[in-house]
């Protein structure tokens, strides 16, 4: 009976260490997922604000600069790259009535859009 005790202690130690490794790797995986999600959220926010910048430019062009619109099309009405972030936007004239414009902001691999109904 004395011969079986050291072997059972070794097996029990191995199971405990395996459980600790599973818990450590699981925690590390969750931390990596959180970091990736934070990066995606940051990119999404920059893309959204680029789309908002395109919408604001459209409103400025309509109200202050006297821009006149033609017929709806799939071509880009306005586009620009924002100098600080490097995000970009494109504004499209989608349809009427009411006037419908779509501003699409892009940053890295993320794009967000804003629709304006005037």
N, C-alpha and C. Protein backbone atom coordinates (compact mmCIF):
# COMPACT_ATOMS: atom_id res chain seq x y z
N UNK A 1 0.82 -1.18 0.00
CA UNK A 1 0.00 0.00 0.00
C UNK A 1 0.87 1.25 0.00
N UNK A 2 2.05 1.21 0.53
CA UNK A 2 2.95 2.34 0.58
C UNK A 2 3.48 2.70 -0.79
N UNK A 3 3.52 1.76 -1.71
CA UNK A 3 4.02 2.01 -3.05
C UNK A 3 3.04 2.86 -3.87
N UNK A 4 1.75 2.80 -3.65
CA UNK A 4 0.74 3.52 -4.43
C UNK A 4 0.62 4.99 -4.04
N UNK A 5 0.99 5.38 -2.84
CA UNK A 5 0.82 6.75 -2.38
C UNK A 5 1.66 7.76 -3.16
N UNK A 6 2.95 7.55 -3.40
CA UNK A 6 3.72 8.54 -4.17
C UNK A 6 3.20 8.70 -5.60
N UNK A 7 2.75 7.66 -6.23
CA UNK A 7 2.23 7.75 -7.60
C UNK A 7 0.91 8.53 -7.62
N UNK A 8 0.07 8.32 -6.66
CA UNK A 8 -1.20 9.05 -6.63
C UNK A 8 -0.97 10.53 -6.34
N UNK A 9 0.04 10.86 -5.56
CA UNK A 9 0.37 12.25 -5.31
C UNK A 9 0.89 12.92 -6.57
N UNK A 10 1.66 12.19 -7.35
CA UNK A 10 2.17 12.73 -8.60
C UNK A 10 1.03 12.99 -9.59
N UNK A 11 0.11 12.09 -9.70
CA UNK A 11 -1.04 12.25 -10.60
C UNK A 11 -1.91 13.41 -10.14
N UNK A 12 -2.14 13.51 -8.83
CA UNK A 12 -2.94 14.61 -8.29
C UNK A 12 -2.25 15.95 -8.56
N UNK A 13 -0.93 16.01 -8.41
CA UNK A 13 -0.18 17.23 -8.70
C UNK A 13 -0.30 17.60 -10.17
N UNK A 14 -0.22 16.63 -11.05
CA UNK A 14 -0.34 16.88 -12.49
C UNK A 14 -1.73 17.44 -12.82
N UNK A 15 -2.78 16.90 -12.23
CA UNK A 15 -4.14 17.42 -12.47
C UNK A 15 -4.29 18.86 -11.98
N UNK A 16 -3.72 19.14 -10.83
CA UNK A 16 -3.80 20.50 -10.29
C UNK A 16 -3.06 21.47 -11.19
N UNK A 17 -1.86 21.11 -11.63
CA UNK A 17 -1.09 21.97 -12.53
C UNK A 17 -1.80 22.16 -13.88
N UNK A 18 -2.41 21.10 -14.39
CA UNK A 18 -3.16 21.21 -15.65
C UNK A 18 -4.34 22.16 -15.49
N UNK A 19 -5.03 22.09 -14.37
CA UNK A 19 -6.15 23.00 -14.11
C UNK A 19 -5.70 24.44 -14.01
N UNK A 20 -4.55 24.65 -13.38
CA UNK A 20 -4.01 26.01 -13.28
C UNK A 20 -3.61 26.55 -14.65
N UNK A 21 -3.05 25.70 -15.49
CA UNK A 21 -2.67 26.13 -16.84
C UNK A 21 -3.90 26.49 -17.67
N UNK A 22 -4.95 25.69 -17.56
CA UNK A 22 -6.19 25.98 -18.30
C UNK A 22 -6.76 27.32 -17.84
N UNK A 23 -6.76 27.57 -16.55
CA UNK A 23 -7.27 28.84 -16.04
C UNK A 23 -6.40 30.01 -16.50
N UNK A 24 -5.08 29.85 -16.49
CA UNK A 24 -4.18 30.93 -16.91
C UNK A 24 -4.33 31.23 -18.39
N UNK A 25 -4.40 30.19 -19.23
CA UNK A 25 -4.55 30.41 -20.67
C UNK A 25 -5.92 30.99 -21.00
N UNK A 26 -6.95 30.58 -20.27
CA UNK A 26 -8.28 31.15 -20.47
C UNK A 26 -8.32 32.62 -20.13
N UNK A 27 -7.67 32.99 -19.02
CA UNK A 27 -7.61 34.40 -18.65
C UNK A 27 -6.83 35.22 -19.65
N UNK A 28 -5.72 34.68 -20.15
CA UNK A 28 -4.93 35.39 -21.16
C UNK A 28 -5.73 35.57 -22.45
N UNK A 29 -6.48 34.55 -22.83
CA UNK A 29 -7.30 34.63 -24.04
C UNK A 29 -8.36 35.73 -23.89
N UNK A 30 -9.01 35.79 -22.74
CA UNK A 30 -10.01 36.83 -22.51
C UNK A 30 -9.39 38.23 -22.52
N UNK A 31 -8.18 38.35 -21.98
CA UNK A 31 -7.49 39.65 -22.00
C UNK A 31 -7.17 40.07 -23.43
N UNK A 32 -6.72 39.14 -24.25
CA UNK A 32 -6.42 39.45 -25.66
C UNK A 32 -7.68 39.85 -26.40
N UNK A 33 -8.79 39.16 -26.16
CA UNK A 33 -10.06 39.53 -26.79
C UNK A 33 -10.48 40.94 -26.40
N UNK A 34 -10.29 41.31 -25.15
CA UNK A 34 -10.62 42.65 -24.69
C UNK A 34 -9.77 43.72 -25.35
N UNK A 35 -8.49 43.43 -25.52
CA UNK A 35 -7.60 44.39 -26.18
C UNK A 35 -8.00 44.57 -27.65
N UNK A 36 -8.31 43.47 -28.32
CA UNK A 36 -8.74 43.56 -29.73
C UNK A 36 -10.06 44.33 -29.84
N UNK A 37 -10.99 44.07 -28.95
CA UNK A 37 -12.29 44.76 -28.99
C UNK A 37 -12.10 46.26 -28.75
N UNK A 38 -11.20 46.61 -27.87
CA UNK A 38 -10.92 48.03 -27.63
C UNK A 38 -10.34 48.71 -28.85
N UNK A 39 -9.47 48.02 -29.58
CA UNK A 39 -8.91 48.57 -30.81
C UNK A 39 -9.95 48.74 -31.89
N UNK A 40 -10.83 47.77 -32.02
CA UNK A 40 -11.91 47.86 -33.01
C UNK A 40 -12.86 49.00 -32.65
N UNK A 41 -13.16 49.15 -31.37
CA UNK A 41 -14.03 50.24 -30.94
C UNK A 41 -13.40 51.60 -31.24
N UNK A 42 -12.11 51.70 -31.04
CA UNK A 42 -11.40 52.95 -31.34
C UNK A 42 -11.45 53.27 -32.83
N UNK A 43 -11.21 52.26 -33.66
CA UNK A 43 -11.28 52.46 -35.11
C UNK A 43 -12.69 52.83 -35.55
N UNK A 44 -13.68 52.19 -34.95
CA UNK A 44 -15.06 52.47 -35.29
C UNK A 44 -15.44 53.91 -34.92
N UNK A 45 -14.97 54.37 -33.78
CA UNK A 45 -15.25 55.76 -33.37
C UNK A 45 -14.64 56.76 -34.34
N UNK A 46 -13.41 56.52 -34.76
CA UNK A 46 -12.76 57.43 -35.71
C UNK A 46 -13.47 57.42 -37.05
N UNK A 47 -13.93 56.24 -37.49
CA UNK A 47 -14.67 56.16 -38.76
C UNK A 47 -16.01 56.90 -38.64
N UNK A 48 -16.68 56.77 -37.49
CA UNK A 48 -17.95 57.48 -37.28
C UNK A 48 -17.76 58.98 -37.31
N UNK A 49 -16.73 59.48 -36.64
CA UNK A 49 -16.51 60.92 -36.62
C UNK A 49 -16.07 61.44 -37.98
N UNK A 50 -15.42 60.60 -38.78
CA UNK A 50 -15.11 61.00 -40.16
C UNK A 50 -16.40 61.12 -40.97
N UNK A 51 -17.33 60.19 -40.77
CA UNK A 51 -18.63 60.27 -41.44
C UNK A 51 -19.38 61.53 -41.00
N UNK A 52 -19.31 61.85 -39.73
CA UNK A 52 -19.93 63.08 -39.24
C UNK A 52 -19.29 64.31 -39.87
N UNK A 53 -17.97 64.29 -40.06
CA UNK A 53 -17.29 65.41 -40.70
C UNK A 53 -17.78 65.58 -42.14
N UNK A 54 -18.00 64.48 -42.83
CA UNK A 54 -18.55 64.56 -44.19
C UNK A 54 -19.95 65.14 -44.19
N UNK A 55 -20.76 64.77 -43.21
CA UNK A 55 -22.12 65.30 -43.11
C UNK A 55 -22.08 66.80 -42.82
N UNK A 56 -21.18 67.21 -41.93
CA UNK A 56 -21.06 68.64 -41.63
C UNK A 56 -20.58 69.43 -42.85
N UNK A 57 -19.68 68.84 -43.61
CA UNK A 57 -19.22 69.54 -44.82
C UNK A 57 -20.36 69.69 -45.81
N UNK A 58 -21.16 68.65 -45.97
CA UNK A 58 -22.31 68.73 -46.88
C UNK A 58 -23.24 69.86 -46.46
N UNK A 59 -23.57 69.90 -45.17
CA UNK A 59 -24.47 70.96 -44.69
C UNK A 59 -23.86 72.34 -44.90
N UNK A 60 -22.56 72.48 -44.68
CA UNK A 60 -21.89 73.76 -44.91
C UNK A 60 -21.95 74.13 -46.38
N UNK A 61 -21.68 73.17 -47.26
CA UNK A 61 -21.72 73.45 -48.70
C UNK A 61 -23.12 73.85 -49.15
N UNK A 62 -24.14 73.21 -48.61
CA UNK A 62 -25.53 73.53 -48.98
C UNK A 62 -25.95 74.91 -48.47
N UNK A 63 -25.66 75.18 -47.20
CA UNK A 63 -26.19 76.38 -46.56
C UNK A 63 -25.33 77.62 -46.71
N UNK A 64 -24.03 77.47 -46.69
CA UNK A 64 -23.15 78.63 -46.69
C UNK A 64 -22.43 78.86 -48.02
N UNK A 65 -22.14 77.80 -48.74
CA UNK A 65 -21.33 77.93 -49.94
C UNK A 65 -22.19 77.91 -51.21
N UNK A 66 -23.49 77.71 -51.08
CA UNK A 66 -24.40 77.75 -52.22
C UNK A 66 -24.29 76.57 -53.17
N UNK A 67 -23.85 75.41 -52.68
CA UNK A 67 -23.73 74.24 -53.55
C UNK A 67 -25.11 73.79 -54.00
N UNK A 68 -25.25 73.49 -55.27
CA UNK A 68 -26.53 72.99 -55.80
C UNK A 68 -26.35 71.54 -56.18
N UNK A 69 -27.35 70.77 -55.88
CA UNK A 69 -27.29 69.33 -56.14
C UNK A 69 -27.93 69.04 -57.49
N UNK A 70 -27.50 67.95 -58.08
CA UNK A 70 -28.07 67.50 -59.35
C UNK A 70 -29.03 66.36 -59.09
N UNK A 71 -28.91 65.34 -59.90
CA UNK A 71 -29.77 64.18 -59.71
C UNK A 71 -29.03 63.13 -58.88
N UNK A 72 -29.77 62.29 -58.16
CA UNK A 72 -29.12 61.26 -57.33
C UNK A 72 -28.28 60.32 -58.20
N UNK A 73 -27.16 59.89 -57.66
CA UNK A 73 -26.31 58.95 -58.38
C UNK A 73 -25.45 58.19 -57.38
N UNK A 74 -24.68 57.27 -57.89
CA UNK A 74 -23.78 56.51 -57.03
C UNK A 74 -22.39 57.13 -56.97
N UNK A 75 -22.18 58.23 -57.66
CA UNK A 75 -20.86 58.86 -57.63
C UNK A 75 -20.70 59.70 -56.36
N UNK A 76 -19.46 59.94 -56.01
CA UNK A 76 -19.13 60.68 -54.80
C UNK A 76 -19.35 62.17 -55.02
N UNK A 77 -20.06 62.82 -54.11
CA UNK A 77 -20.31 64.26 -54.18
C UNK A 77 -19.13 65.02 -53.57
N UNK A 78 -18.73 64.62 -52.35
CA UNK A 78 -17.58 65.21 -51.65
C UNK A 78 -16.76 64.08 -51.06
N UNK A 79 -15.47 64.29 -50.98
CA UNK A 79 -14.61 63.34 -50.26
C UNK A 79 -13.39 64.09 -49.76
N UNK A 80 -12.82 63.59 -48.68
CA UNK A 80 -11.64 64.23 -48.12
C UNK A 80 -10.98 63.26 -47.15
N UNK A 81 -9.71 63.52 -46.85
CA UNK A 81 -8.97 62.77 -45.84
C UNK A 81 -8.69 63.74 -44.69
N UNK A 82 -9.02 63.34 -43.49
CA UNK A 82 -8.81 64.18 -42.32
C UNK A 82 -7.33 64.14 -41.94
N UNK A 83 -6.70 65.30 -41.78
CA UNK A 83 -5.24 65.34 -41.64
C UNK A 83 -4.68 64.73 -40.35
N UNK A 84 -5.36 64.84 -39.24
CA UNK A 84 -4.80 64.39 -37.97
C UNK A 84 -4.88 62.87 -37.83
N UNK A 85 -6.05 62.30 -38.10
CA UNK A 85 -6.23 60.87 -37.89
C UNK A 85 -5.93 60.03 -39.14
N UNK A 86 -6.05 60.63 -40.31
CA UNK A 86 -5.89 59.86 -41.54
C UNK A 86 -7.18 59.18 -41.96
N UNK A 87 -8.26 59.42 -41.23
CA UNK A 87 -9.56 58.87 -41.61
C UNK A 87 -10.07 59.63 -42.84
N UNK A 88 -10.97 59.02 -43.58
CA UNK A 88 -11.50 59.67 -44.78
C UNK A 88 -13.02 59.56 -44.79
N UNK A 89 -13.64 60.39 -45.62
CA UNK A 89 -15.09 60.30 -45.81
C UNK A 89 -15.44 60.51 -47.27
N UNK A 90 -16.58 59.96 -47.64
CA UNK A 90 -17.18 60.16 -48.96
C UNK A 90 -18.66 60.45 -48.74
N UNK A 91 -19.17 61.45 -49.45
CA UNK A 91 -20.57 61.82 -49.33
C UNK A 91 -21.25 61.50 -50.66
N UNK A 92 -22.40 60.82 -50.59
CA UNK A 92 -23.17 60.42 -51.76
C UNK A 92 -24.56 61.07 -51.70
N UNK A 93 -25.10 61.44 -52.86
CA UNK A 93 -26.47 61.93 -52.96
C UNK A 93 -27.32 60.74 -53.35
N UNK A 94 -28.16 60.27 -52.42
CA UNK A 94 -28.89 59.02 -52.62
C UNK A 94 -30.27 59.19 -53.25
N UNK A 95 -31.01 60.24 -52.92
CA UNK A 95 -32.35 60.37 -53.47
C UNK A 95 -33.11 61.55 -52.92
N UNK A 96 -34.35 61.68 -53.42
CA UNK A 96 -35.25 62.72 -52.95
C UNK A 96 -36.66 62.35 -53.31
N UNK A 97 -37.72 62.99 -52.82
CA UNK A 97 -37.83 63.82 -51.65
C UNK A 97 -37.92 62.94 -50.41
N UNK A 98 -37.55 63.33 -49.28
CA UNK A 98 -36.70 64.48 -49.01
C UNK A 98 -35.31 64.20 -49.58
N UNK A 99 -34.46 65.21 -49.55
CA UNK A 99 -33.10 65.00 -50.02
C UNK A 99 -32.40 64.01 -49.08
N UNK A 100 -31.83 62.98 -49.64
CA UNK A 100 -31.17 61.95 -48.84
C UNK A 100 -29.70 61.88 -49.26
N UNK A 101 -28.84 62.14 -48.31
CA UNK A 101 -27.40 62.04 -48.52
C UNK A 101 -26.85 60.99 -47.57
N UNK A 102 -25.80 60.33 -47.99
CA UNK A 102 -25.14 59.33 -47.14
C UNK A 102 -23.66 59.68 -47.07
N UNK A 103 -23.15 59.80 -45.85
CA UNK A 103 -21.74 60.08 -45.62
C UNK A 103 -21.10 58.83 -45.03
N UNK A 104 -20.05 58.34 -45.67
CA UNK A 104 -19.37 57.12 -45.22
C UNK A 104 -17.97 57.50 -44.75
N UNK A 105 -17.69 57.20 -43.49
CA UNK A 105 -16.36 57.43 -42.93
C UNK A 105 -15.59 56.14 -42.86
N UNK A 106 -14.30 56.20 -43.16
CA UNK A 106 -13.45 55.01 -43.12
C UNK A 106 -12.16 55.30 -42.36
N UNK A 107 -11.78 54.34 -41.54
CA UNK A 107 -10.50 54.42 -40.83
C UNK A 107 -9.95 53.01 -40.72
N UNK A 108 -8.77 52.80 -41.26
CA UNK A 108 -8.14 51.48 -41.33
C UNK A 108 -9.11 50.50 -41.97
N UNK A 109 -9.54 49.45 -41.27
CA UNK A 109 -10.42 48.44 -41.86
C UNK A 109 -11.87 48.62 -41.44
N UNK A 110 -12.22 49.79 -40.93
CA UNK A 110 -13.56 50.00 -40.39
C UNK A 110 -14.25 51.12 -41.14
N UNK A 111 -15.53 50.95 -41.44
CA UNK A 111 -16.30 52.04 -42.04
C UNK A 111 -17.63 52.18 -41.32
N UNK A 112 -18.08 53.41 -41.20
CA UNK A 112 -19.36 53.75 -40.57
C UNK A 112 -20.05 54.75 -41.47
N UNK A 113 -21.35 54.79 -41.46
CA UNK A 113 -22.05 55.73 -42.32
C UNK A 113 -23.12 56.48 -41.54
N UNK A 114 -23.43 57.67 -42.05
CA UNK A 114 -24.44 58.54 -41.48
C UNK A 114 -25.35 58.96 -42.63
N UNK A 115 -26.65 58.92 -42.40
CA UNK A 115 -27.60 59.34 -43.44
C UNK A 115 -28.23 60.67 -43.04
N UNK A 116 -28.31 61.58 -44.01
CA UNK A 116 -28.93 62.88 -43.78
C UNK A 116 -30.19 62.98 -44.62
N UNK A 117 -31.27 63.34 -43.98
CA UNK A 117 -32.54 63.59 -44.68
C UNK A 117 -32.87 65.06 -44.49
N UNK A 118 -32.86 65.80 -45.60
CA UNK A 118 -33.06 67.24 -45.52
C UNK A 118 -34.38 67.60 -46.18
